[in-house]
Each structure stands twice: as structure tokens, then as C-alpha cells.
Amino acid sequence: MRISKREKSLPEYTYLGCPMTKNRSPWCFRMCRPNFDGKGLCGRVAPHSIKGNIQQGIIDYKKKINQNKSK
């Protein structure tokens, strides 16, 4: 008898879970630092990277003030 191993790739819809906590939870524990496009290490959109209107307004205001100081 000969045992052969098949390589199966995971379907795209398969959820592997958080690589930081090693679990399959459907929520984010907000432990990782999101990359430049707002995705966490697991590849999903990190909720802690999403900015609301007020947060984005504060960031834009601080950028504007810093640009005026540097001139």
C-alpha cells in the first residue's frame, strides 16, 4: 500500500484567524499594527485603523499647522 499526499490549497473564503493570538475568532483584538492600506496581519481591514470624520479632521488640521510652521 502506498500513501500519497495531496496538496490542497485553502479556498479564499476560509478564515484562518488572528496570527497574533493564534485563534479563529471573528473579531479583532486590536493587537497588531495595521499596514499602510489599513489591513492587519490577518489580511482583513483592521477596525482600529479606521478614522472617523472628527479624527480625520484633527489629523488634517495638525498637518496644516505643521506645513504653515515649516514655511
N, C-alpha and C. Protein backbone atom coordinates (compact mmCIF):
# COMPACT_ATOMS: atom_id res chain seq x y z
N MET A 1 0.83 -1.16 0.00
CA MET A 1 0.00 0.00 0.00
C MET A 1 0.89 1.24 0.00
N ARG A 2 0.54 2.18 -0.84
CA ARG A 2 1.32 3.40 -0.97
C ARG A 2 0.44 4.59 -0.61
N ILE A 3 0.94 5.44 0.26
CA ILE A 3 0.18 6.61 0.68
C ILE A 3 0.72 7.82 -0.06
N SER A 4 -0.16 8.49 -0.75
CA SER A 4 0.26 9.71 -1.44
C SER A 4 -0.43 10.90 -0.79
N LYS A 5 0.29 11.97 -0.71
CA LYS A 5 -0.22 13.15 -0.06
C LYS A 5 -0.70 14.15 -1.12
N ARG A 6 -1.92 14.60 -0.96
CA ARG A 6 -2.45 15.59 -1.88
C ARG A 6 -2.26 16.98 -1.30
N GLU A 7 -1.86 17.89 -2.14
CA GLU A 7 -1.75 19.26 -1.70
C GLU A 7 -3.05 19.98 -2.01
N LYS A 8 -3.69 20.43 -0.99
CA LYS A 8 -4.93 21.18 -1.18
C LYS A 8 -4.69 22.62 -0.75
N SER A 9 -5.05 23.51 -1.62
CA SER A 9 -4.94 24.91 -1.22
C SER A 9 -6.24 25.31 -0.53
N LEU A 10 -6.12 26.24 0.36
CA LEU A 10 -7.29 26.71 1.08
C LEU A 10 -8.12 27.64 0.19
N PRO A 11 -9.42 27.51 0.22
CA PRO A 11 -10.25 28.44 -0.53
C PRO A 11 -10.10 29.86 0.02
N GLU A 12 -10.36 30.85 -0.82
CA GLU A 12 -10.18 32.24 -0.40
C GLU A 12 -11.11 32.61 0.75
N TYR A 13 -12.27 31.98 0.85
CA TYR A 13 -13.22 32.35 1.89
C TYR A 13 -12.90 31.73 3.24
N THR A 14 -11.90 30.87 3.32
CA THR A 14 -11.52 30.25 4.58
C THR A 14 -10.87 31.29 5.49
N TYR A 15 -11.34 31.36 6.70
CA TYR A 15 -10.81 32.31 7.67
C TYR A 15 -9.82 31.60 8.58
N LEU A 16 -8.61 32.11 8.65
CA LEU A 16 -7.57 31.45 9.43
C LEU A 16 -7.41 32.03 10.83
N GLY A 17 -7.98 33.17 11.09
CA GLY A 17 -7.89 33.74 12.42
C GLY A 17 -6.74 34.71 12.58
N CYS A 18 -6.63 35.21 13.78
CA CYS A 18 -5.63 36.22 14.11
C CYS A 18 -4.27 35.55 14.32
N PRO A 19 -3.23 35.97 13.58
CA PRO A 19 -1.91 35.38 13.79
C PRO A 19 -1.26 35.83 15.11
N MET A 20 -1.75 36.91 15.68
CA MET A 20 -1.18 37.40 16.93
C MET A 20 -1.64 36.53 18.12
N THR A 21 -2.91 36.14 18.14
CA THR A 21 -3.43 35.38 19.28
C THR A 21 -3.60 33.90 18.95
N LYS A 22 -3.36 33.52 17.73
CA LYS A 22 -3.45 32.12 17.28
C LYS A 22 -4.83 31.52 17.50
N ASN A 23 -5.87 32.28 17.17
CA ASN A 23 -7.21 31.74 17.33
C ASN A 23 -8.06 32.02 16.10
N ARG A 24 -9.25 31.52 16.09
CA ARG A 24 -10.15 31.66 14.95
C ARG A 24 -11.33 32.58 15.29
N SER A 25 -11.07 33.59 16.06
CA SER A 25 -12.15 34.48 16.49
C SER A 25 -12.62 35.36 15.33
N PRO A 26 -13.90 35.67 15.29
CA PRO A 26 -14.43 36.52 14.23
C PRO A 26 -14.24 38.00 14.50
N TRP A 27 -13.66 38.38 15.64
CA TRP A 27 -13.47 39.79 15.93
C TRP A 27 -11.98 40.09 16.04
N CYS A 28 -11.68 41.34 16.07
CA CYS A 28 -10.28 41.79 16.12
C CYS A 28 -9.92 42.16 17.54
N PHE A 29 -8.76 41.72 18.00
CA PHE A 29 -8.29 42.06 19.34
C PHE A 29 -7.44 43.34 19.35
N ARG A 30 -7.22 43.93 18.19
CA ARG A 30 -6.51 45.21 18.04
C ARG A 30 -5.10 45.16 18.60
N MET A 31 -4.41 44.07 18.33
CA MET A 31 -3.05 43.91 18.85
C MET A 31 -1.98 44.26 17.81
N CYS A 32 -2.31 44.15 16.54
CA CYS A 32 -1.29 44.35 15.51
C CYS A 32 -1.30 45.79 15.02
N ARG A 33 -0.23 46.18 14.40
CA ARG A 33 -0.14 47.50 13.79
C ARG A 33 -0.57 47.36 12.33
N PRO A 34 -1.62 48.06 11.93
CA PRO A 34 -2.09 47.96 10.54
C PRO A 34 -1.06 48.50 9.56
N ASN A 35 -1.04 47.95 8.35
CA ASN A 35 -0.11 48.44 7.34
C ASN A 35 -0.68 49.71 6.68
N PHE A 36 -0.03 50.20 5.64
CA PHE A 36 -0.38 51.49 5.06
C PHE A 36 -1.79 51.55 4.48
N ASP A 37 -2.34 50.42 4.06
CA ASP A 37 -3.69 50.45 3.49
C ASP A 37 -4.76 50.05 4.50
N GLY A 38 -4.41 49.94 5.79
CA GLY A 38 -5.39 49.72 6.84
C GLY A 38 -5.72 48.27 7.11
N LYS A 39 -4.92 47.35 6.61
CA LYS A 39 -5.17 45.93 6.87
C LYS A 39 -4.22 45.43 7.96
N GLY A 40 -4.75 44.51 8.78
CA GLY A 40 -3.95 43.92 9.84
C GLY A 40 -3.13 42.75 9.33
N LEU A 41 -2.46 42.06 10.22
CA LEU A 41 -1.63 40.91 9.84
C LEU A 41 -2.45 39.76 9.27
N CYS A 42 -3.73 39.69 9.65
CA CYS A 42 -4.58 38.61 9.16
C CYS A 42 -5.09 38.88 7.75
N GLY A 43 -4.90 40.08 7.23
CA GLY A 43 -5.33 40.41 5.89
C GLY A 43 -6.68 41.10 5.81
N ARG A 44 -7.37 41.20 6.96
CA ARG A 44 -8.66 41.88 6.97
C ARG A 44 -8.47 43.36 7.31
N VAL A 45 -9.48 44.15 7.02
CA VAL A 45 -9.44 45.56 7.39
C VAL A 45 -9.42 45.65 8.90
N ALA A 46 -8.45 46.35 9.42
CA ALA A 46 -8.30 46.48 10.87
C ALA A 46 -9.22 47.59 11.36
N PRO A 47 -10.17 47.27 12.26
CA PRO A 47 -11.09 48.30 12.72
C PRO A 47 -10.40 49.42 13.49
N HIS A 48 -9.24 49.14 14.07
CA HIS A 48 -8.54 50.18 14.81
C HIS A 48 -7.76 51.11 13.89
N SER A 49 -7.80 50.88 12.58
CA SER A 49 -7.15 51.79 11.64
C SER A 49 -8.15 52.74 11.00
N ILE A 50 -9.45 52.49 11.20
CA ILE A 50 -10.48 53.31 10.58
C ILE A 50 -10.61 54.61 11.36
N LYS A 51 -10.61 55.71 10.64
CA LYS A 51 -10.72 57.02 11.26
C LYS A 51 -12.09 57.61 10.96
N GLY A 52 -12.72 58.19 11.96
CA GLY A 52 -13.98 58.88 11.79
C GLY A 52 -13.75 60.29 11.26
N ASN A 53 -14.82 61.01 11.01
CA ASN A 53 -14.72 62.37 10.49
C ASN A 53 -13.98 63.30 11.44
N ILE A 54 -14.25 63.17 12.72
CA ILE A 54 -13.61 64.05 13.70
C ILE A 54 -12.12 63.73 13.80
N GLN A 55 -11.77 62.44 13.88
CA GLN A 55 -10.36 62.05 13.96
C GLN A 55 -9.61 62.51 12.71
N GLN A 56 -10.20 62.31 11.54
CA GLN A 56 -9.54 62.71 10.30
C GLN A 56 -9.41 64.23 10.23
N GLY A 57 -10.39 64.96 10.73
CA GLY A 57 -10.31 66.42 10.77
C GLY A 57 -9.17 66.91 11.65
N ILE A 58 -8.98 66.26 12.80
CA ILE A 58 -7.88 66.62 13.69
C ILE A 58 -6.54 66.35 13.01
N ILE A 59 -6.41 65.23 12.34
CA ILE A 59 -5.16 64.89 11.64
C ILE A 59 -4.88 65.89 10.54
N ASP A 60 -5.91 66.24 9.75
CA ASP A 60 -5.73 67.21 8.67
C ASP A 60 -5.35 68.59 9.22
N TYR A 61 -5.97 68.98 10.33
CA TYR A 61 -5.66 70.27 10.96
C TYR A 61 -4.21 70.31 11.43
N LYS A 62 -3.74 69.22 12.07
CA LYS A 62 -2.36 69.19 12.55
C LYS A 62 -1.37 69.23 11.39
N LYS A 63 -1.71 68.55 10.28
CA LYS A 63 -0.84 68.61 9.09
C LYS A 63 -0.76 70.03 8.55
N LYS A 64 -1.91 70.70 8.52
CA LYS A 64 -1.97 72.08 8.01
C LYS A 64 -1.14 73.01 8.89
N ILE A 65 -1.24 72.87 10.20
CA ILE A 65 -0.47 73.70 11.13
C ILE A 65 1.02 73.44 10.96
N ASN A 66 1.42 72.18 10.82
CA ASN A 66 2.83 71.83 10.65
C ASN A 66 3.38 72.35 9.33
N GLN A 67 2.57 72.37 8.28
CA GLN A 67 3.02 72.90 6.99
C GLN A 67 3.23 74.41 7.09
N ASN A 68 2.35 75.09 7.80
CA ASN A 68 2.49 76.53 7.97
C ASN A 68 3.71 76.90 8.81
N LYS A 69 4.05 76.07 9.79
CA LYS A 69 5.22 76.32 10.64
C LYS A 69 6.51 76.14 9.86
N SER A 70 6.51 75.17 8.93
CA SER A 70 7.73 74.88 8.20
C SER A 70 8.02 75.90 7.10
N LYS A 71 7.06 76.72 6.75
CA LYS A 71 7.27 77.73 5.68
C LYS A 71 8.00 78.94 6.18
